[in-house]
Amino acid sequence: MAIAVDDQNFDEIVVKSGKPVMVDFWAEWCGPCRMIAPIVEEISKEYADRAVVAKCDVDNSPGVAAKYGIRNIPTVLFFKDGKVADKQVGAVPKNNFLTKLNALL
């Protein structure tokens, strides 16, 4: 299960993680976000021991969304060592996410 992150716990869970982190920035009203949600959940289960997979609702976490320049959703950011290492904007096939995440492992 993907971890819910917000303005309060983002740094603790994402930035300070010792593992690569994949963060899905989404919103309830976003159709493409709902399309990739099952993919994000699958990846969170498959990579549970190797990476952190998180979801950040941009409506509830405007501070984090602004800090990372999230203008379009879904946007998935990939973090390594606390810094953004890669980015994917829009609904794409699972393999696109896996390619970017595997590059950080």
Protein backbone atom coordinates (compact mmCIF):
# COMPACT_ATOMS: atom_id res chain seq x y z
CA MET A 1 0.00 0.00 0.00
CA ALA A 2 1.34 3.41 -0.96
CA ILE A 3 2.05 5.71 1.98
CA ALA A 4 0.01 8.92 2.18
CA VAL A 5 2.28 11.93 2.53
CA ASP A 6 1.36 15.57 3.12
CA ASP A 7 2.85 18.93 4.03
CA GLN A 8 3.53 17.73 7.59
CA ASN A 9 5.23 14.35 7.01
CA PHE A 10 6.73 14.71 3.50
CA ASP A 11 10.30 15.48 4.59
CA GLU A 12 10.33 12.70 7.18
CA ILE A 13 9.02 10.00 4.81
CA VAL A 14 10.38 11.11 1.44
CA VAL A 15 13.42 13.37 1.84
CA LYS A 16 14.98 11.46 4.75
CA SER A 17 14.32 8.00 3.30
CA GLY A 18 17.32 5.72 2.90
CA LYS A 19 15.64 4.07 -0.10
CA PRO A 20 14.60 5.49 -3.47
CA VAL A 21 11.13 7.05 -3.27
CA MET A 22 8.38 7.30 -5.90
CA VAL A 23 5.78 9.99 -5.09
CA ASP A 24 2.50 10.19 -7.02
CA PHE A 25 1.08 13.74 -6.87
CA TRP A 26 -2.65 13.41 -7.48
CA ALA A 27 -6.14 14.73 -6.69
CA GLU A 28 -9.50 13.04 -6.15
CA TRP A 29 -11.12 14.86 -9.09
CA CYS A 30 -8.35 13.95 -11.58
CA GLY A 31 -9.36 11.24 -14.08
CA PRO A 32 -5.83 10.35 -15.24
CA CYS A 33 -4.79 10.16 -11.56
CA ARG A 34 -7.45 7.52 -10.98
CA MET A 35 -6.20 5.66 -14.08
CA ILE A 36 -2.68 5.25 -12.68
CA ALA A 37 -3.74 4.62 -9.06
CA PRO A 38 -3.88 0.81 -9.45
CA ILE A 39 -0.43 0.86 -11.10
CA VAL A 40 1.02 2.88 -8.20
CA GLU A 41 -0.49 0.38 -5.73
CA GLU A 42 0.97 -2.58 -7.66
CA ILE A 43 4.42 -1.00 -7.64
CA SER A 44 4.16 -0.26 -3.90
CA LYS A 45 3.58 -3.99 -3.25
CA GLU A 46 6.19 -5.26 -5.72
CA TYR A 47 8.91 -2.89 -4.46
CA ALA A 48 7.98 -2.88 -0.75
CA ASP A 49 11.43 -4.09 0.33
CA ARG A 50 13.46 -1.95 -2.13
CA ALA A 51 11.73 1.43 -2.40
CA VAL A 52 9.15 3.70 -0.78
CA VAL A 53 6.02 4.45 -2.81
CA ALA A 54 3.94 7.41 -1.65
CA LYS A 55 0.92 9.41 -2.74
CA CYS A 56 0.49 13.14 -2.13
CA ASP A 57 -2.94 14.74 -2.59
CA VAL A 58 -2.14 18.17 -4.03
CA ASP A 59 -5.40 19.68 -2.74
CA ASN A 60 -4.50 18.74 0.85
CA SER A 61 -0.77 19.51 0.53
CA PRO A 62 -0.34 22.78 -1.37
CA GLY A 63 3.02 23.47 0.30
CA VAL A 64 4.72 20.34 -1.02
CA ALA A 65 3.11 20.74 -4.45
CA ALA A 66 4.37 24.33 -4.68
CA LYS A 67 7.86 23.45 -3.40
CA TYR A 68 8.33 20.87 -6.17
CA GLY A 69 6.61 22.91 -8.89
CA ILE A 70 3.73 20.52 -9.47
CA ARG A 71 1.58 22.19 -12.12
CA ASN A 72 0.02 19.19 -13.85
CA ILE A 73 -1.28 16.00 -12.32
CA PRO A 74 -0.63 13.21 -12.21
CA THR A 75 3.03 13.97 -11.73
CA VAL A 76 5.28 11.28 -10.29
CA LEU A 77 8.59 12.38 -8.81
CA PHE A 78 11.41 9.94 -8.12
CA PHE A 79 13.71 10.80 -5.21
CA LYS A 80 17.15 9.45 -4.40
CA ASP A 81 19.16 10.65 -1.41
CA GLY A 82 16.50 13.28 -0.66
CA LYS A 83 16.66 14.94 -4.07
CA VAL A 84 14.46 14.71 -7.16
CA ALA A 85 16.24 12.31 -9.52
CA ASP A 86 13.54 11.90 -12.20
CA LYS A 87 10.01 12.91 -13.11
CA GLN A 88 7.04 11.55 -15.07
CA VAL A 89 4.08 13.77 -15.97
CA GLY A 90 0.78 12.30 -17.10
CA ALA A 91 -0.79 8.87 -17.19
CA VAL A 92 1.66 6.40 -18.71
CA PRO A 93 2.06 2.60 -18.76
CA LYS A 94 3.48 0.82 -15.71
CA ASN A 95 6.74 0.10 -17.53
CA ASN A 96 7.54 3.83 -17.75
CA PHE A 97 7.43 4.11 -13.95
CA LEU A 98 9.42 0.89 -13.47
CA THR A 99 12.19 2.03 -15.82
CA LYS A 100 12.67 5.24 -13.83
CA LEU A 101 12.43 3.52 -10.44
CA ASN A 102 14.77 0.66 -11.38
CA ALA A 103 17.41 3.19 -12.49
CA LEU A 104 17.58 4.43 -8.87
CA LEU A 105 17.93 1.02 -7.21
